[in-house]
């Protein structure tokens, strides 16, 4: 009996033809800190709709059925009137940093779309006198670092001076004696003229800048 050999490239093409990989684009919604926003989703559901955290699909924040909608976490809500029309928008009443992340809209057990919630970088200008304490709000307590760019430095990237992870503060030898952490506020004691510059609070988990402080010390030129 003669065997029939299929060329490898033909076999590969045959396999790929019957393999389907679902691809869904992720929409990003950016909002200012403590402002309201909406994560979009549209689909007519016959049973139930819900929004969950992508990282934990059992962790729903809001859901609707044919009779009502209810919130499962504070700060999230869906409209039942809109749900009946096929509008599954998730409203966030006051966005904070703990709400950042990827959310999935689900209708009748089917994933409709993923939406990432991002918070705009806060920008502050601070004027301070020599000898005073500089306070930097880090906003989160897990996996965050502080980068310093000196006022006269030509380095566009700056230097990492401190990291915080689960309320544990670690700073370089130069800054360790002068720094302390209370909740999410980093204090730099006894500001000197050479401390002027830009301080960047960066979330290491998502590689996002949370807050940029431009600090000028009185008695020096502004940055």
C-alpha atoms as a PDB file:
ATOM      1  CA  UNK A   1       0.000   0.000   0.000  1.00  0.00           C
ATOM      2  CA  UNK A   2       1.349   3.394  -0.938  1.00  0.00           C
ATOM      3  CA  UNK A   3       1.446   6.051   1.766  1.00  0.00           C
ATOM      4  CA  UNK A   4       0.302   9.563   1.051  1.00  0.00           C
ATOM      5  CA  UNK A   5       2.677  12.230   2.312  1.00  0.00           C
ATOM      6  CA  UNK A   6       1.455  15.766   2.814  1.00  0.00           C
ATOM      7  CA  UNK A   7       4.058  18.549   2.543  1.00  0.00           C
ATOM      8  CA  UNK A   8       4.728  20.274   5.856  1.00  0.00           C
ATOM      9  CA  UNK A   9       3.689  23.713   4.618  1.00  0.00           C
ATOM     10  CA  UNK A  10       0.345  22.350   3.411  1.00  0.00           C
ATOM     11  CA  UNK A  11      -0.265  20.611   6.744  1.00  0.00           C
ATOM     12  CA  UNK A  12       0.585  23.792   8.647  1.00  0.00           C
ATOM     13  CA  UNK A  13      -1.815  25.817   6.509  1.00  0.00           C
ATOM     14  CA  UNK A  14      -4.530  23.230   7.121  1.00  0.00           C
ATOM     15  CA  UNK A  15      -4.039  23.434  10.891  1.00  0.00           C
ATOM     16  CA  UNK A  16      -4.018  27.229  10.981  1.00  0.00           C
ATOM     17  CA  UNK A  17      -7.202  27.348   8.932  1.00  0.00           C
ATOM     18  CA  UNK A  18      -9.120  25.632  11.714  1.00  0.00           C
ATOM     19  CA  UNK A  19      -7.544  27.439  14.635  1.00  0.00           C
ATOM     20  CA  UNK A  20      -9.313  30.611  15.686  1.00  0.00           C
ATOM     21  CA  UNK A  21      -7.782  32.909  18.249  1.00  0.00           C
ATOM     22  CA  UNK A  22     -10.185  35.426  19.759  1.00  0.00           C
ATOM     23  CA  UNK A  23      -8.752  38.913  19.618  1.00  0.00           C
ATOM     24  CA  UNK A  24     -10.466  41.717  21.480  1.00  0.00           C
ATOM     25  CA  UNK A  25      -9.082  45.218  21.546  1.00  0.00           C
ATOM     26  CA  UNK A  26      -8.769  46.763  24.984  1.00  0.00           C
ATOM     27  CA  UNK A  27     -10.309  50.211  25.337  1.00  0.00           C
ATOM     28  CA  UNK A  28      -8.587  52.583  27.760  1.00  0.00           C
ATOM     29  CA  UNK A  29     -10.584  55.161  29.684  1.00  0.00           C
ATOM     30  CA  UNK A  30      -8.526  57.853  31.406  1.00  0.00           C
ATOM     31  CA  UNK A  31      -9.982  60.015  34.152  1.00  0.00           C
ATOM     32  CA  UNK A  32      -8.796  62.625  36.620  1.00  0.00           C
ATOM     33  CA  UNK A  33      -8.382  61.525  40.217  1.00  0.00           C
ATOM     34  CA  UNK A  34     -11.644  61.627  42.208  1.00  0.00           C
ATOM     35  CA  UNK A  35     -13.730  62.385  39.098  1.00  0.00           C
ATOM     36  CA  UNK A  36     -16.568  60.289  37.680  1.00  0.00           C
ATOM     37  CA  UNK A  37     -16.253  58.320  34.462  1.00  0.00           C
ATOM     38  CA  UNK A  38     -17.956  55.546  32.494  1.00  0.00           C
ATOM     39  CA  UNK A  39     -16.681  52.273  31.035  1.00  0.00           C
ATOM     40  CA  UNK A  40     -18.608  51.550  27.804  1.00  0.00           C
ATOM     41  CA  UNK A  41     -20.279  48.289  26.801  1.00  0.00           C
ATOM     42  CA  UNK A  42     -23.270  47.545  24.578  1.00  0.00           C
ATOM     43  CA  UNK A  43     -25.220  44.309  24.202  1.00  0.00           C
ATOM     44  CA  UNK A  44     -28.834  43.262  24.657  1.00  0.00           C
ATOM     45  CA  UNK A  45     -28.922  40.614  27.388  1.00  0.00           C
ATOM     46  CA  UNK A  46     -31.745  38.178  28.038  1.00  0.00           C
ATOM     47  CA  UNK A  47     -30.538  37.050  31.448  1.00  0.00           C
ATOM     48  CA  UNK A  48     -27.787  38.969  33.205  1.00  0.00           C
ATOM     49  CA  UNK A  49     -24.943  41.411  32.681  1.00  0.00           C
ATOM     50  CA  UNK A  50     -22.035  42.102  34.984  1.00  0.00           C
ATOM     51  CA  UNK A  51     -18.676  43.825  35.208  1.00  0.00           C
ATOM     52  CA  UNK A  52     -15.758  41.961  36.760  1.00  0.00           C
ATOM     53  CA  UNK A  53     -12.079  42.535  37.381  1.00  0.00           C
ATOM     54  CA  UNK A  54     -10.083  40.861  34.622  1.00  0.00           C
ATOM     55  CA  UNK A  55      -7.560  39.607  37.166  1.00  0.00           C
ATOM     56  CA  UNK A  56     -10.288  37.915  39.219  1.00  0.00           C
ATOM     57  CA  UNK A  57     -13.364  36.970  37.238  1.00  0.00           C
ATOM     58  CA  UNK A  58     -15.204  35.993  40.425  1.00  0.00           C
ATOM     59  CA  UNK A  59     -14.843  39.559  41.706  1.00  0.00           C
ATOM     60  CA  UNK A  60     -17.850  41.387  40.212  1.00  0.00           C
ATOM     61  CA  UNK A  61     -18.276  45.101  40.928  1.00  0.00           C
ATOM     62  CA  UNK A  62     -21.824  45.550  39.541  1.00  0.00           C
ATOM     63  CA  UNK A  63     -24.490  43.475  37.815  1.00  0.00           C
ATOM     64  CA  UNK A  64     -27.986  43.657  36.324  1.00  0.00           C
ATOM     65  CA  UNK A  65     -30.779  41.234  35.538  1.00  0.00           C
ATOM     66  CA  UNK A  66     -34.250  41.703  34.077  1.00  0.00           C
ATOM     67  CA  UNK A  67     -35.648  43.119  37.323  1.00  0.00           C
ATOM     68  CA  UNK A  68     -32.924  45.331  38.799  1.00  0.00           C
ATOM     69  CA  UNK A  69     -29.272  46.363  39.003  1.00  0.00           C
ATOM     70  CA  UNK A  70     -27.099  46.366  42.080  1.00  0.00           C
ATOM     71  CA  UNK A  71     -23.602  47.409  43.073  1.00  0.00           C
ATOM     72  CA  UNK A  72     -21.273  44.889  44.654  1.00  0.00           C
ATOM     73  CA  UNK A  73     -18.523  47.390  45.420  1.00  0.00           C
ATOM     74  CA  UNK A  74     -18.776  50.986  46.546  1.00  0.00           C
ATOM     75  CA  UNK A  75     -18.249  53.511  43.765  1.00  0.00           C
ATOM     76  CA  UNK A  76     -19.540  51.327  40.893  1.00  0.00           C
ATOM     77  CA  UNK A  77     -23.056  51.314  39.451  1.00  0.00           C
ATOM     78  CA  UNK A  78     -25.136  50.326  36.421  1.00  0.00           C
ATOM     79  CA  UNK A  79     -28.452  51.788  35.247  1.00  0.00           C
ATOM     80  CA  UNK A  80     -31.360  49.365  34.912  1.00  0.00           C
ATOM     81  CA  UNK A  81     -33.174  51.598  32.411  1.00  0.00           C
ATOM     82  CA  UNK A  82     -30.072  51.638  30.230  1.00  0.00           C
ATOM     83  CA  UNK A  83     -29.526  47.904  30.716  1.00  0.00           C
ATOM     84  CA  UNK A  84     -32.969  47.148  29.258  1.00  0.00           C
ATOM     85  CA  UNK A  85     -31.961  49.170  26.182  1.00  0.00           C
ATOM     86  CA  UNK A  86     -28.716  47.239  25.710  1.00  0.00           C
ATOM     87  CA  UNK A  87     -26.458  49.866  27.313  1.00  0.00           C
ATOM     88  CA  UNK A  88     -24.286  48.083  29.880  1.00  0.00           C
ATOM     89  CA  UNK A  89     -22.152  51.109  30.790  1.00  0.00           C
ATOM     90  CA  UNK A  90     -20.408  50.890  34.158  1.00  0.00           C
ATOM     91  CA  UNK A  91     -20.335  54.227  35.981  1.00  0.00           C
ATOM     92  CA  UNK A  92     -17.529  54.968  38.431  1.00  0.00           C
ATOM     93  CA  UNK A  93     -18.603  57.777  40.731  1.00  0.00           C
ATOM     94  CA  UNK A  94     -15.208  58.918  42.028  1.00  0.00           C
ATOM     95  CA  UNK A  95     -12.148  57.200  40.588  1.00  0.00           C
ATOM     96  CA  UNK A  96      -9.222  56.529  42.879  1.00  0.00           C
ATOM     97  CA  UNK A  97      -5.982  54.630  42.435  1.00  0.00           C
ATOM     98  CA  UNK A  98      -7.341  51.422  43.947  1.00  0.00           C
ATOM     99  CA  UNK A  99      -9.840  51.222  41.063  1.00  0.00           C
ATOM    100  CA  UNK A 100      -7.235  51.209  38.307  1.00  0.00           C
ATOM    101  CA  UNK A 101      -7.014  48.111  36.178  1.00  0.00           C
ATOM    102  CA  UNK A 102      -8.694  46.014  33.524  1.00  0.00           C
ATOM    103  CA  UNK A 103     -12.429  45.319  33.686  1.00  0.00           C
ATOM    104  CA  UNK A 104     -14.492  42.831  31.668  1.00  0.00           C
ATOM    105  CA  UNK A 105     -18.095  43.385  30.565  1.00  0.00           C
ATOM    106  CA  UNK A 106     -20.055  40.124  30.496  1.00  0.00           C
ATOM    107  CA  UNK A 107     -23.518  39.458  29.037  1.00  0.00           C
ATOM    108  CA  UNK A 108     -25.337  36.151  29.543  1.00  0.00           C
ATOM    109  CA  UNK A 109     -22.038  34.454  30.347  1.00  0.00           C
ATOM    110  CA  UNK A 110     -20.254  35.823  27.263  1.00  0.00           C
ATOM    111  CA  UNK A 111     -17.356  38.280  27.410  1.00  0.00           C
ATOM    112  CA  UNK A 112     -18.236  41.390  25.413  1.00  0.00           C
ATOM    113  CA  UNK A 113     -15.240  43.678  25.843  1.00  0.00           C
ATOM    114  CA  UNK A 114     -12.393  44.669  28.156  1.00  0.00           C
ATOM    115  CA  UNK A 115     -11.848  48.236  29.346  1.00  0.00           C
ATOM    116  CA  UNK A 116      -8.802  49.536  31.194  1.00  0.00           C
ATOM    117  CA  UNK A 117      -9.289  52.316  33.736  1.00  0.00           C
ATOM    118  CA  UNK A 118      -6.346  54.691  34.024  1.00  0.00           C
ATOM    119  CA  UNK A 119      -5.975  57.825  36.151  1.00  0.00           C
ATOM    120  CA  UNK A 120      -4.314  60.911  34.717  1.00  0.00           C
ATOM    121  CA  UNK A 121      -0.944  61.854  36.155  1.00  0.00           C
ATOM    122  CA  UNK A 122      -1.301  64.552  38.786  1.00  0.00           C
ATOM    123  CA  UNK A 123       1.046  67.534  38.451  1.00  0.00           C
ATOM    124  CA  UNK A 124       1.883  69.838  41.351  1.00  0.00           C
ATOM    125  CA  UNK A 125       4.188  72.799  41.898  1.00  0.00           C
ATOM    126  CA  UNK A 126       5.571  73.160  45.410  1.00  0.00           C
ATOM    127  CA  UNK A 127       7.434  76.103  46.917  1.00  0.00           C
ATOM    128  CA  UNK A 128       9.202  75.444  50.181  1.00  0.00           C
ATOM    129  CA  UNK A 129      11.666  77.168  52.498  1.00  0.00           C
ATOM    130  CA  UNK A 130      15.055  75.678  53.386  1.00  0.00           C
ATOM    131  CA  UNK A 131      14.790  73.586  56.532  1.00  0.00           C
ATOM    132  CA  UNK A 132      11.114  72.733  56.065  1.00  0.00           C
ATOM    133  CA  UNK A 133       9.816  69.241  55.403  1.00  0.00           C
ATOM    134  CA  UNK A 134       8.693  68.202  51.924  1.00  0.00           C
ATOM    135  CA  UNK A 135       5.708  65.863  51.822  1.00  0.00           C
ATOM    136  CA  UNK A 136       4.999  63.762  48.747  1.00  0.00           C
ATOM    137  CA  UNK A 137       1.726  61.853  48.500  1.00  0.00           C
ATOM    138  CA  UNK A 138       2.478  58.517  46.827  1.00  0.00           C
ATOM    139  CA  UNK A 139      -1.261  57.637  46.604  1.00  0.00           C
ATOM    140  CA  UNK A 140      -0.587  53.890  46.830  1.00  0.00           C
ATOM    141  CA  UNK A 141       1.414  51.751  49.234  1.00  0.00           C
ATOM    142  CA  UNK A 142       2.423  48.848  47.004  1.00  0.00           C
ATOM    143  CA  UNK A 143       5.257  48.758  44.478  1.00  0.00           C
ATOM    144  CA  UNK A 144       5.880  52.454  43.980  1.00  0.00           C
ATOM    145  CA  UNK A 145       9.150  54.311  43.494  1.00  0.00           C
ATOM    146  CA  UNK A 146      10.239  57.933  43.709  1.00  0.00           C
ATOM    147  CA  UNK A 147      12.544  59.314  41.029  1.00  0.00           C
ATOM    148  CA  UNK A 148      14.408  62.585  41.506  1.00  0.00           C
ATOM    149  CA  UNK A 149      15.651  64.855  38.724  1.00  0.00           C
ATOM    150  CA  UNK A 150      17.870  67.592  40.095  1.00  0.00           C
ATOM    151  CA  UNK A 151      17.283  71.156  38.998  1.00  0.00           C
ATOM    152  CA  UNK A 152      20.736  71.341  37.419  1.00  0.00           C
ATOM    153  CA  UNK A 153      20.908  67.729  36.254  1.00  0.00           C
ATOM    154  CA  UNK A 154      21.287  66.917  32.568  1.00  0.00           C
ATOM    155  CA  UNK A 155      20.071  63.353  33.150  1.00  0.00           C
ATOM    156  CA  UNK A 156      16.651  63.051  31.441  1.00  0.00           C
ATOM    157  CA  UNK A 157      15.765  59.928  33.461  1.00  0.00           C
ATOM    158  CA  UNK A 158      16.741  61.037  36.941  1.00  0.00           C
ATOM    159  CA  UNK A 159      17.718  58.737  39.803  1.00  0.00           C
ATOM    160  CA  UNK A 160      15.597  56.417  41.893  1.00  0.00           C
ATOM    161  CA  UNK A 161      15.837  57.570  45.498  1.00  0.00           C
ATOM    162  CA  UNK A 162      13.145  55.518  47.281  1.00  0.00           C
ATOM    163  CA  UNK A 163      10.839  52.547  46.830  1.00  0.00           C
ATOM    164  CA  UNK A 164       7.772  51.554  48.812  1.00  0.00           C
ATOM    165  CA  UNK A 165       6.222  48.096  48.855  1.00  0.00           C
ATOM    166  CA  UNK A 166       3.474  47.163  51.310  1.00  0.00           C
ATOM    167  CA  UNK A 167       4.327  50.164  53.504  1.00  0.00           C
ATOM    168  CA  UNK A 168       8.009  49.161  53.625  1.00  0.00           C
ATOM    169  CA  UNK A 169      10.226  52.152  52.786  1.00  0.00           C
ATOM    170  CA  UNK A 170      13.665  51.683  51.238  1.00  0.00           C
ATOM    171  CA  UNK A 171      15.787  54.660  50.200  1.00  0.00           C
ATOM    172  CA  UNK A 172      19.342  55.228  49.057  1.00  0.00           C
ATOM    173  CA  UNK A 173      21.989  55.853  51.687  1.00  0.00           C
ATOM    174  CA  UNK A 174      21.818  59.605  51.056  1.00  0.00           C
ATOM    175  CA  UNK A 175      18.077  59.804  51.687  1.00  0.00           C
ATOM    176  CA  UNK A 176      17.514  57.135  54.359  1.00  0.00           C
ATOM    177  CA  UNK A 177      18.339  59.413  57.355  1.00  0.00           C
ATOM    178  CA  UNK A 178      15.996  62.140  56.044  1.00  0.00           C
ATOM    179  CA  UNK A 179      12.925  60.196  54.971  1.00  0.00           C
ATOM    180  CA  UNK A 180       9.925  58.622  56.671  1.00  0.00           C
ATOM    181  CA  UNK A 181       6.619  57.133  55.544  1.00  0.00           C
ATOM    182  CA  UNK A 182       3.198  57.714  57.099  1.00  0.00           C
ATOM    183  CA  UNK A 183       0.424  55.834  55.317  1.00  0.00           C
ATOM    184  CA  UNK A 184       1.080  56.880  51.698  1.00  0.00           C
ATOM    185  CA  UNK A 185       2.887  60.154  52.449  1.00  0.00           C
ATOM    186  CA  UNK A 186       6.667  60.261  52.060  1.00  0.00           C
ATOM    187  CA  UNK A 187       8.346  63.006  54.085  1.00  0.00           C
ATOM    188  CA  UNK A 188      11.754  64.445  53.208  1.00  0.00           C
ATOM    189  CA  UNK A 189      12.987  66.287  56.281  1.00  0.00           C
ATOM    190  CA  UNK A 190      15.070  69.438  56.363  1.00  0.00           C
ATOM    191  CA  UNK A 191      14.906  70.485  52.728  1.00  0.00           C
ATOM    192  CA  UNK A 192      18.126  71.983  51.367  1.00  0.00           C
ATOM    193  CA  UNK A 193      18.687  74.301  48.444  1.00  0.00           C
ATOM    194  CA  UNK A 194      20.040  71.352  46.466  1.00  0.00           C
ATOM    195  CA  UNK A 195      16.737  69.473  46.858  1.00  0.00           C
ATOM    196  CA  UNK A 196      14.999  71.568  44.243  1.00  0.00           C
ATOM    197  CA  UNK A 197      13.965  69.684  41.138  1.00  0.00           C
ATOM    198  CA  UNK A 198      11.346  67.242  39.924  1.00  0.00           C
ATOM    199  CA  UNK A 199      10.096  64.298  41.984  1.00  0.00           C
ATOM    200  CA  UNK A 200       8.204  61.581  40.091  1.00  0.00           C
ATOM    201  CA  UNK A 201       6.004  59.050  41.874  1.00  0.00           C
ATOM    202  CA  UNK A 202       5.865  55.988  39.618  1.00  0.00           C
ATOM    203  CA  UNK A 203       3.759  52.852  39.992  1.00  0.00           C
ATOM    204  CA  UNK A 204       6.113  49.959  39.245  1.00  0.00           C
ATOM    205  CA  UNK A 205       3.305  47.448  38.705  1.00  0.00           C
ATOM    206  CA  UNK A 206       1.785  49.327  35.762  1.00  0.00           C
ATOM    207  CA  UNK A 207       4.770  51.564  34.906  1.00  0.00           C
ATOM    208  CA  UNK A 208       2.573  54.654  35.301  1.00  0.00           C
ATOM    209  CA  UNK A 209       3.521  58.045  36.687  1.00  0.00           C
ATOM    210  CA  UNK A 210       1.028  58.812  39.451  1.00  0.00           C
ATOM    211  CA  UNK A 211       2.235  62.261  40.493  1.00  0.00           C
ATOM    212  CA  UNK A 212       4.902  64.691  39.322  1.00  0.00           C
ATOM    213  CA  UNK A 213       6.050  67.329  41.809  1.00  0.00           C
ATOM    214  CA  UNK A 214       8.090  70.308  40.653  1.00  0.00           C
ATOM    215  CA  UNK A 215       9.782  71.615  43.789  1.00  0.00           C
ATOM    216  CA  UNK A 216      11.423  75.002  44.107  1.00  0.00           C
ATOM    217  CA  UNK A 217      13.263  75.999  47.262  1.00  0.00           C
ATOM    218  CA  UNK A 218      13.035  79.666  48.168  1.00  0.00           C
ATOM    219  CA  UNK A 219      16.387  81.298  47.811  1.00  0.00           C
ATOM    220  CA  UNK A 220      17.056  79.433  44.544  1.00  0.00           C
ATOM    221  CA  UNK A 221      15.845  79.940  41.030  1.00  0.00           C
ATOM    222  CA  UNK A 222      12.622  78.103  40.133  1.00  0.00           C
ATOM    223  CA  UNK A 223      12.983  74.858  38.212  1.00  0.00           C
END
